[in-house]
Protein backbone atom coordinates (compact mmCIF):
# COMPACT_ATOMS: atom_id res chain seq x y z
CA UNK A 1 0.00 0.00 0.00
CA UNK A 2 1.25 3.49 -0.75
CA UNK A 3 2.21 5.81 2.11
CA UNK A 4 -0.28 8.49 3.06
CA UNK A 5 0.06 11.92 1.51
CA UNK A 6 0.92 15.02 3.51
CA UNK A 7 -2.70 16.10 3.31
CA UNK A 8 -3.93 12.70 4.45
CA UNK A 9 -1.52 12.75 7.41
CA UNK A 10 -2.86 16.14 8.34
CA UNK A 11 -6.38 14.76 8.27
CA UNK A 12 -5.48 11.88 10.55
CA UNK A 13 -3.10 13.47 13.02
CA UNK A 14 -4.00 17.14 12.97
CA UNK A 15 -7.75 17.10 12.59
CA UNK A 16 -8.44 17.89 16.23
CA UNK A 17 -5.89 20.70 16.33
CA UNK A 18 -7.14 22.04 13.03
CA UNK A 19 -10.73 22.06 14.19
CA UNK A 20 -9.85 23.91 17.35
CA UNK A 21 -7.77 26.47 15.45
CA UNK A 22 -10.43 27.09 12.87
CA UNK A 23 -13.11 27.39 15.56
CA UNK A 24 -10.99 30.05 17.19
CA UNK A 25 -10.54 31.90 13.91
CA UNK A 26 -6.86 30.99 13.51
CA UNK A 27 -5.59 28.30 11.13
CA UNK A 28 -2.97 25.85 12.41
CA UNK A 29 0.52 26.71 11.05
CA UNK A 30 0.65 23.68 8.72
CA UNK A 31 -2.77 24.41 7.29
CA UNK A 32 -2.01 28.11 6.92
CA UNK A 33 1.18 27.26 5.01
CA UNK A 34 -0.75 24.94 2.74
CA UNK A 35 -3.24 27.69 1.98
CA UNK A 36 -0.40 29.95 0.85
CA UNK A 37 0.95 27.44 -1.69
CA UNK A 38 0.91 28.53 -5.29
CA UNK A 39 -0.47 25.12 -6.31
CA UNK A 40 -2.85 23.06 -4.17
CA UNK A 41 -4.52 19.72 -4.89
CA UNK A 42 -6.80 17.50 -2.86
CA UNK A 43 -9.18 14.54 -3.21
CA UNK A 44 -12.78 14.89 -2.10
CA UNK A 45 -12.40 11.39 -0.61
CA UNK A 46 -9.23 9.33 -0.42
CA UNK A 47 -11.00 5.99 0.15
CA UNK A 48 -13.59 4.69 -2.32
CA UNK A 49 -15.11 1.39 -3.42
CA UNK A 50 -14.68 -0.07 -6.94
CA UNK A 51 -16.93 1.81 -9.35
CA UNK A 52 -17.11 4.96 -7.22
CA UNK A 53 -15.77 8.27 -8.48
CA UNK A 54 -12.49 9.79 -7.31
CA UNK A 55 -12.58 13.59 -7.58
CA UNK A 56 -9.39 15.68 -7.60
CA UNK A 57 -9.52 19.48 -7.26
CA UNK A 58 -6.55 21.61 -8.37
CA UNK A 59 -6.26 25.29 -7.42
CA UNK A 60 -3.30 27.45 -8.48
CA UNK A 61 -2.32 31.12 -8.35
CA UNK A 62 0.46 31.31 -10.90
CA UNK A 63 0.79 34.44 -13.00
CA UNK A 64 2.84 32.97 -15.84
CA UNK A 65 1.39 30.61 -18.47
CA UNK A 66 1.50 27.03 -17.22
CA UNK A 67 0.71 23.49 -18.23
CA UNK A 68 -1.07 21.04 -15.91
CA UNK A 69 -0.80 17.27 -16.16
CA UNK A 70 -2.21 14.52 -13.94
CA UNK A 71 -0.42 11.17 -13.59
CA UNK A 72 -1.29 8.06 -11.60
CA UNK A 73 1.03 5.47 -10.10
CA UNK A 74 -1.42 2.61 -10.72
CA UNK A 75 -2.23 3.50 -14.33
CA UNK A 76 -5.72 4.79 -13.52
CA UNK A 77 -6.97 7.17 -16.21
CA UNK A 78 -7.95 10.65 -14.99
CA UNK A 79 -10.03 13.00 -17.13
CA UNK A 80 -10.68 16.70 -16.71
CA UNK A 81 -14.32 17.30 -15.78
CA UNK A 82 -14.24 21.09 -15.53
CA UNK A 83 -11.85 24.03 -15.82
CA UNK A 84 -11.97 27.60 -14.59
CA UNK A 85 -9.39 30.37 -14.60
CA UNK A 86 -7.66 29.24 -11.40
CA UNK A 87 -9.05 25.78 -10.77
CA UNK A 88 -9.68 22.44 -12.41
CA UNK A 89 -11.55 19.28 -11.41
CA UNK A 90 -10.34 15.86 -12.57
CA UNK A 91 -12.10 12.54 -12.03
CA UNK A 92 -11.33 8.83 -12.30
CA UNK A 93 -13.37 5.71 -11.65
CA UNK A 94 -11.32 2.72 -10.38
CA UNK A 95 -12.75 -0.73 -11.07
CA UNK A 96 -10.49 -2.91 -8.94
CA UNK A 97 -9.41 -2.83 -5.25
CA UNK A 98 -5.92 -1.45 -4.60
CA UNK A 99 -4.10 1.78 -3.86
CA UNK A 100 -2.30 4.48 -5.75
CA UNK A 101 -0.96 7.99 -5.79
CA UNK A 102 -2.22 10.66 -8.15
CA UNK A 103 0.34 13.33 -9.00
CA UNK A 104 -0.37 16.82 -10.26
CA UNK A 105 2.48 18.26 -12.33
CA UNK A 106 2.32 22.00 -13.09
CA UNK A 107 5.08 23.36 -15.34
CA UNK A 108 5.38 27.13 -15.47
CA UNK A 109 6.60 28.89 -18.61
CA UNK A 110 9.91 29.78 -16.93
CA UNK A 111 10.58 26.06 -16.38
CA UNK A 112 9.73 25.83 -12.70
CA UNK A 113 7.76 22.68 -11.85
CA UNK A 114 5.27 22.24 -9.01
CA UNK A 115 4.23 18.73 -7.94
CA UNK A 116 1.47 17.68 -5.59
CA UNK A 117 0.78 14.09 -4.55
CA UNK A 118 -2.45 12.60 -3.18
CA UNK A 119 -2.78 8.99 -2.05
CA UNK A 120 -6.00 7.01 -2.38
CA UNK A 121 -7.22 3.50 -1.64
CA UNK A 122 -9.89 1.43 -3.36
CA UNK A 123 -11.38 -0.99 -0.85
CA UNK A 124 -13.89 -3.83 -1.05
CA UNK A 125 -14.74 -6.15 -3.89
CA UNK A 126 -15.50 -5.44 -7.51
CA UNK A 127 -19.08 -5.14 -8.70
CA UNK A 128 -21.14 -8.28 -8.90
CA UNK A 129 -20.95 -10.08 -12.25
CA UNK A 130 -23.72 -10.03 -14.79
CA UNK A 131 -26.41 -12.46 -13.58
CA UNK A 132 -27.03 -15.09 -16.24
CA UNK A 133 -29.82 -17.63 -16.61
CA UNK A 134 -31.20 -18.27 -20.08
CA UNK A 135 -30.26 -15.74 -22.75
CA UNK A 136 -32.54 -12.74 -23.13
CA UNK A 137 -33.91 -12.61 -26.68
CA UNK A 138 -34.55 -9.03 -27.69
CA UNK A 139 -35.31 -6.89 -30.70
CA UNK A 140 -34.39 -3.68 -32.48
CA UNK A 141 -36.99 -1.74 -34.43
CA UNK A 142 -37.54 1.95 -35.29
CA UNK A 143 -39.27 3.75 -32.43
CA UNK A 144 -42.37 4.70 -34.48
CA UNK A 145 -42.92 1.02 -35.38
CA UNK A 146 -41.87 -0.47 -32.04
CA UNK A 147 -45.39 -1.13 -30.72
CA UNK A 148 -46.47 -2.68 -34.02
CA UNK A 149 -43.41 -4.98 -34.20
CA UNK A 150 -43.84 -6.08 -30.58
CA UNK A 151 -47.46 -7.01 -31.31
CA UNK A 152 -46.36 -8.97 -34.39
CA UNK A 153 -43.64 -11.04 -32.71
CA UNK A 154 -45.71 -11.70 -29.59
CA UNK A 155 -44.66 -12.29 -25.98
CA UNK A 156 -41.24 -13.16 -24.71
CA UNK A 157 -39.02 -10.19 -25.58
CA UNK A 158 -36.39 -9.73 -22.90
CA UNK A 159 -34.26 -6.88 -24.30
CA UNK A 160 -34.58 -3.74 -26.43
CA UNK A 161 -31.79 -2.36 -28.61
CA UNK A 162 -31.51 1.44 -28.34
CA UNK A 163 -29.29 3.88 -30.25
CA UNK A 164 -28.35 7.15 -28.52
CA UNK A 165 -25.87 9.95 -29.15
CA UNK A 166 -23.92 11.84 -26.50
CA UNK A 167 -23.63 14.74 -28.93
CA UNK A 168 -27.38 15.19 -28.42
CA UNK A 169 -27.02 15.45 -24.66
CA UNK A 170 -27.19 13.18 -21.61
CA UNK A 171 -30.90 12.43 -22.05
CA UNK A 172 -30.61 11.18 -25.64
CA UNK A 173 -33.21 8.40 -26.11
CA UNK A 174 -33.88 8.27 -22.36
CA UNK A 175 -37.61 7.84 -23.02
CA UNK A 176 -36.93 4.59 -24.86
CA UNK A 177 -34.80 3.39 -21.95
CA UNK A 178 -37.64 4.13 -19.56
CA UNK A 179 -40.09 2.29 -21.83
CA UNK A 180 -37.81 -0.75 -21.88
CA UNK A 181 -37.53 -0.82 -18.10
CA UNK A 182 -41.29 -0.39 -17.72
CA UNK A 183 -41.82 -3.40 -20.02
CA UNK A 184 -39.40 -5.52 -17.99
CA UNK A 185 -36.78 -5.54 -20.77
CA UNK A 186 -33.03 -5.07 -20.62
CA UNK A 187 -32.03 -1.85 -22.44
CA UNK A 188 -29.03 -2.49 -24.69
CA UNK A 189 -27.82 1.04 -25.38
CA UNK A 190 -25.24 2.05 -27.97
CA UNK A 191 -23.80 5.54 -27.59
CA UNK A 192 -22.12 7.44 -30.41
CA UNK A 193 -20.77 10.99 -30.45
CA UNK A 194 -22.14 12.63 -33.56
CA UNK A 195 -19.38 11.19 -35.71
CA UNK A 196 -16.70 13.06 -33.72
CA UNK A 197 -14.15 10.29 -33.17
CA UNK A 198 -11.31 12.74 -32.46
CA UNK A 199 -13.46 14.52 -29.89
CA UNK A 200 -14.19 11.27 -28.08
CA UNK A 201 -10.49 10.40 -28.03
CA UNK A 202 -9.72 13.86 -26.61
CA UNK A 203 -12.29 13.47 -23.82
CA UNK A 204 -14.73 16.02 -25.23
CA UNK A 205 -17.75 13.88 -24.27
CA UNK A 206 -16.63 12.67 -20.85
CA UNK A 207 -18.75 15.14 -18.91
CA UNK A 208 -21.95 14.32 -20.79
CA UNK A 209 -21.16 10.60 -20.47
CA UNK A 210 -20.98 11.05 -16.70
CA UNK A 211 -24.35 12.79 -16.73
CA UNK A 212 -25.92 10.09 -18.89
CA UNK A 213 -24.48 7.34 -16.68
CA UNK A 214 -25.83 8.98 -13.53
CA UNK A 215 -29.30 9.15 -15.10
CA UNK A 216 -29.20 5.50 -16.18
CA UNK A 217 -27.84 4.32 -12.83
CA UNK A 218 -30.61 6.20 -10.98
CA UNK A 219 -33.16 3.66 -12.25
CA UNK A 220 -31.41 0.89 -10.31
CA UNK A 221 -32.09 -1.68 -13.04
CA UNK A 222 -29.77 -3.83 -15.21
CA UNK A 223 -28.66 -1.97 -18.33
CA UNK A 224 -26.12 -2.92 -21.01
CA UNK A 225 -24.07 -0.02 -22.42
CA UNK A 226 -21.70 0.03 -25.37
CA UNK A 227 -19.74 2.69 -27.22
CA UNK A 228 -19.85 2.90 -31.03
CA UNK A 229 -21.15 -0.49 -32.18
CA UNK A 230 -19.48 -1.98 -35.26
CA UNK A 231 -16.53 0.43 -35.18
CA UNK A 232 -14.56 -1.17 -38.03
CA UNK A 233 -14.75 1.10 -41.06
CA UNK A 234 -15.41 4.18 -38.95
CA UNK A 235 -12.10 4.28 -37.08
CA UNK A 236 -8.96 2.31 -36.35
CA UNK A 237 -8.63 -0.12 -33.49
CA UNK A 238 -6.28 2.31 -31.76
CA UNK A 239 -8.83 5.14 -32.01
CA UNK A 240 -11.61 2.88 -30.78
CA UNK A 241 -9.59 1.78 -27.75
CA UNK A 242 -8.57 5.35 -26.91
CA UNK A 243 -12.14 6.63 -27.16
CA UNK A 244 -13.49 3.69 -25.13
CA UNK A 245 -11.04 4.48 -22.34
CA UNK A 246 -12.48 7.99 -22.22
CA UNK A 247 -16.21 7.22 -22.51
CA UNK A 248 -16.88 3.90 -20.81
CA UNK A 249 -15.44 4.38 -17.29
CA UNK A 250 -18.27 6.80 -16.51
CA UNK A 251 -20.78 3.97 -16.99
CA UNK A 252 -19.07 1.64 -14.50
CA UNK A 253 -21.59 2.22 -11.73
CA UNK A 254 -24.68 0.70 -10.18
CA UNK A 255 -26.27 -1.97 -12.35
CA UNK A 256 -24.82 -0.61 -15.59
CA UNK A 257 -22.60 -3.09 -17.45
CA UNK A 258 -20.32 -2.07 -20.32
CA UNK A 259 -18.95 -4.00 -23.27
CA UNK A 260 -18.16 -3.81 -26.99
CA UNK A 261 -20.31 -4.73 -29.99
CA UNK A 262 -17.74 -5.40 -32.70
CA UNK A 263 -18.21 -6.34 -36.37
CA UNK A 264 -18.94 -10.06 -36.13
CA UNK A 265 -18.00 -10.90 -39.71
CA UNK A 266 -14.36 -10.11 -38.89
CA UNK A 267 -14.32 -13.37 -36.93
CA UNK A 268 -14.65 -15.27 -40.23
CA UNK A 269 -11.19 -14.54 -41.60
CA UNK A 270 -9.83 -11.25 -40.22
CA UNK A 271 -9.01 -12.18 -36.64
CA UNK A 272 -6.02 -9.85 -36.41
CA UNK A 273 -8.19 -6.89 -37.41
CA UNK A 274 -10.86 -7.99 -34.92
CA UNK A 275 -8.21 -8.17 -32.18
CA UNK A 276 -7.01 -4.65 -32.90
CA UNK A 277 -10.28 -3.39 -31.41
CA UNK A 278 -9.85 -5.25 -28.13
CA UNK A 279 -6.44 -4.71 -26.48
CA UNK A 280 -5.83 -6.43 -23.16
CA UNK A 281 -6.55 -3.42 -20.96
CA UNK A 282 -10.08 -3.04 -22.33
CA UNK A 283 -10.95 -6.55 -21.15
CA UNK A 284 -10.42 -5.31 -17.60
CA UNK A 285 -12.87 -2.48 -18.31
CA UNK A 286 -15.56 -4.53 -20.06
CA UNK A 287 -18.19 -6.53 -18.15
CA UNK A 288 -19.35 -8.41 -21.27
CA UNK A 289 -18.25 -8.87 -24.88
CA UNK A 290 -20.48 -8.81 -27.96
CA UNK A 291 -20.84 -8.60 -31.73
CA UNK A 292 -23.39 -7.73 -34.41
CA UNK A 293 -23.79 -10.58 -36.89
CA UNK A 294 -25.62 -10.99 -40.20
CA UNK A 295 -25.84 -13.48 -43.03
CA UNK A 296 -23.39 -12.86 -45.85
CA UNK A 297 -24.49 -12.33 -49.44
CA UNK A 298 -27.88 -10.91 -50.38
CA UNK A 299 -31.51 -11.89 -50.09
CA UNK A 300 -31.44 -13.14 -53.70
CA UNK A 301 -28.08 -14.90 -53.28
CA UNK A 302 -27.28 -15.73 -49.64
CA UNK A 303 -23.62 -16.36 -48.83
CA UNK A 304 -21.98 -19.22 -47.00
CA UNK A 305 -21.22 -17.29 -43.78
CA UNK A 306 -24.14 -17.45 -41.34
CA UNK A 307 -24.72 -15.58 -38.08
CA UNK A 308 -25.06 -18.83 -36.09
CA UNK A 309 -21.48 -19.91 -36.79
CA UNK A 310 -20.09 -16.78 -35.17
CA UNK A 311 -21.47 -17.55 -31.70
CA UNK A 312 -19.13 -20.51 -31.08
CA UNK A 313 -16.35 -18.49 -32.74
CA UNK A 314 -17.03 -15.57 -30.39
CA UNK A 315 -17.02 -17.84 -27.35
CA UNK A 316 -13.75 -19.46 -28.42
CA UNK A 317 -12.13 -16.10 -29.09
CA UNK A 318 -13.03 -14.66 -25.69
CA UNK A 319 -11.78 -17.86 -24.03
CA UNK A 320 -8.50 -17.57 -25.97
CA UNK A 321 -8.04 -14.13 -24.41
CA UNK A 322 -8.36 -15.60 -20.93
CA UNK A 323 -12.02 -14.72 -20.26
CA UNK A 324 -13.86 -17.99 -20.79
CA UNK A 325 -16.76 -17.10 -18.49
CA UNK A 326 -17.25 -13.50 -19.63
CA UNK A 327 -20.92 -12.83 -20.55
CA UNK A 328 -21.54 -12.52 -24.28
CA UNK A 329 -23.97 -10.40 -26.26
CA UNK A 330 -25.41 -10.07 -29.76
CA UNK A 331 -26.53 -6.52 -30.42
CA UNK A 332 -28.02 -7.27 -33.85
CA UNK A 333 -28.71 -10.37 -35.91
CA UNK A 334 -30.93 -11.21 -38.87
CA UNK A 335 -31.11 -13.71 -41.71
CA UNK A 336 -32.52 -14.08 -45.20
CA UNK A 337 -34.39 -17.31 -44.41
CA UNK A 338 -36.34 -18.95 -41.60
CA UNK A 339 -33.62 -21.59 -41.30
CA UNK A 340 -30.91 -18.96 -40.81
CA UNK A 341 -32.94 -17.10 -38.19
CA UNK A 342 -33.78 -20.32 -36.34
CA UNK A 343 -30.16 -21.47 -36.35
CA UNK A 344 -28.96 -18.10 -35.08
CA UNK A 345 -31.53 -18.12 -32.30
CA UNK A 346 -30.57 -21.65 -31.31
CA UNK A 347 -26.87 -20.69 -31.23
CA UNK A 348 -27.64 -17.72 -28.96
CA UNK A 349 -29.60 -19.99 -26.62
CA UNK A 350 -27.11 -22.85 -26.66
CA UNK A 351 -23.79 -20.99 -26.44
CA UNK A 352 -22.75 -20.74 -22.77
CA UNK A 353 -22.71 -17.36 -21.03
CA UNK A 354 -24.80 -15.46 -23.59
CA UNK A 355 -26.57 -12.59 -21.84
CA UNK A 356 -28.68 -11.16 -24.69
CA UNK A 357 -29.31 -11.47 -28.43
CA UNK A 358 -31.38 -8.87 -30.31
CA UNK A 359 -33.11 -9.43 -33.64
CA UNK A 360 -32.73 -6.55 -36.13
CA UNK A 361 -36.39 -6.28 -37.13
CA UNK A 362 -36.00 -3.53 -39.72
CA UNK A 363 -35.37 -3.23 -43.45
CA UNK A 364 -32.13 -1.29 -43.21
CA UNK A 365 -28.57 -2.33 -43.92
CA UNK A 366 -28.47 -6.11 -44.27
CA UNK A 367 -31.72 -6.64 -42.36
CA UNK A 368 -35.28 -7.28 -43.44
CA UNK A 369 -38.49 -6.91 -41.43
CA UNK A 370 -39.72 -10.24 -40.11
CA UNK A 371 -42.57 -11.72 -42.13
CA UNK A 372 -44.00 -15.16 -42.88
CA UNK A 373 -41.74 -18.09 -42.02
CA UNK A 374 -38.96 -15.79 -40.88
CA UNK A 375 -41.31 -14.25 -38.32
CA UNK A 376 -42.43 -17.71 -37.16
CA UNK A 377 -38.82 -18.80 -36.70
CA UNK A 378 -38.14 -15.83 -34.43
CA UNK A 379 -41.36 -16.44 -32.48
CA UNK A 380 -40.17 -19.98 -31.83
CA UNK A 381 -36.86 -18.65 -30.53
CA UNK A 382 -38.80 -16.43 -28.14
CA UNK A 383 -40.93 -19.37 -27.00
CA UNK A 384 -37.90 -21.53 -26.21
CA UNK A 385 -36.17 -18.68 -24.38
CA UNK A 386 -39.30 -17.99 -22.35
CA UNK A 387 -39.64 -21.65 -21.40
CA UNK A 388 -35.99 -21.90 -20.39
CA UNK A 389 -36.19 -18.84 -18.20
CA UNK A 390 -39.38 -20.05 -16.55
CA UNK A 391 -38.48 -23.72 -16.04
CA UNK A 392 -34.77 -24.11 -16.73
CA UNK A 393 -35.49 -26.51 -19.59
CA UNK A 394 -33.70 -26.89 -22.91
CA UNK A 395 -35.35 -27.14 -26.29
CA UNK A 396 -34.97 -27.03 -30.03
CA UNK A 397 -36.40 -24.51 -32.48
CA UNK A 398 -38.57 -26.14 -35.14
CA UNK A 399 -38.49 -24.36 -38.50
CA UNK A 400 -41.72 -24.18 -40.46
CA UNK A 401 -41.53 -25.13 -44.15
CA UNK A 402 -38.73 -26.77 -46.10
């Protein structure tokens, strides 16, 4: 464990003296000297539990231009939450028990450097893992058609796919989240940032992410959160990892669980590219790991690659990275035929540790609205999932037609 900082020692050993001095209108000498420092820094609390926020306040009275950096002995990432003329507030959210020292480094234009050190400790255990029984079968559909699609597929939906944008504010799509909770469904929320990848990497959306996370956590209900689903083609793996490190820590609180939704087709034959989006350190941040997966080819000429085959591949990949029991998720899946949809549903239900799998019930991208035998196949998936959750029984999905 790290030694206590000068400020922490003052708290422990000089609190009584300090209180008496302040009550009498005179600061103790040590505290008075600290107040006269050109650079001060302190933590609002030096002991927190995993998932709780550490808040560091920096106040300086330097006349020359200066540069302020914040470093951490344990590798914890600190982000600036606010800045005024003479003060800044930085925050970090540790996810594992341990201790560390955060160091403020202020370099004045004339070369003089001021350093302030604050020790902290993270006590207790990490958050409880995602509770898993049978996989939750969910759905994605445009909000104006949601009620109609729910009526068409019938009972059994356990999750709702929701797309939000931090560039639109902390309450983006919050009504849909509330509707999902009210219906007893797991919200599976994907946040983007208005196309501003560089801004996300630079921490431009950290404050709004914290606000959104606080709103979601206030409901006290399980919620899956991801950042920028299917990132391949929009950014590099390095950019995705850097932006995830900025955005996702804010959502590590309460019953919110974070994870990726990567391009599932990369598992077919581009494993190195797939891996570039999931460096080792992100696995310690993620609570679950997921993909979006569709049938290759077209409706007129389906390809050989099917969404069902990627579930075992996903499970094997996560196990190869040392996380064999990590919960899995499918943010979107669809197929051109009833057989493809049935097989995908069966794979979601049969692959161990799957938390949720959401049907893309919309004619956009590679998806098509569920109709006829394709609709029946999905309804049978829902029926099996419902039976498993209620009774703990297995089952097979029967496909209507040839």
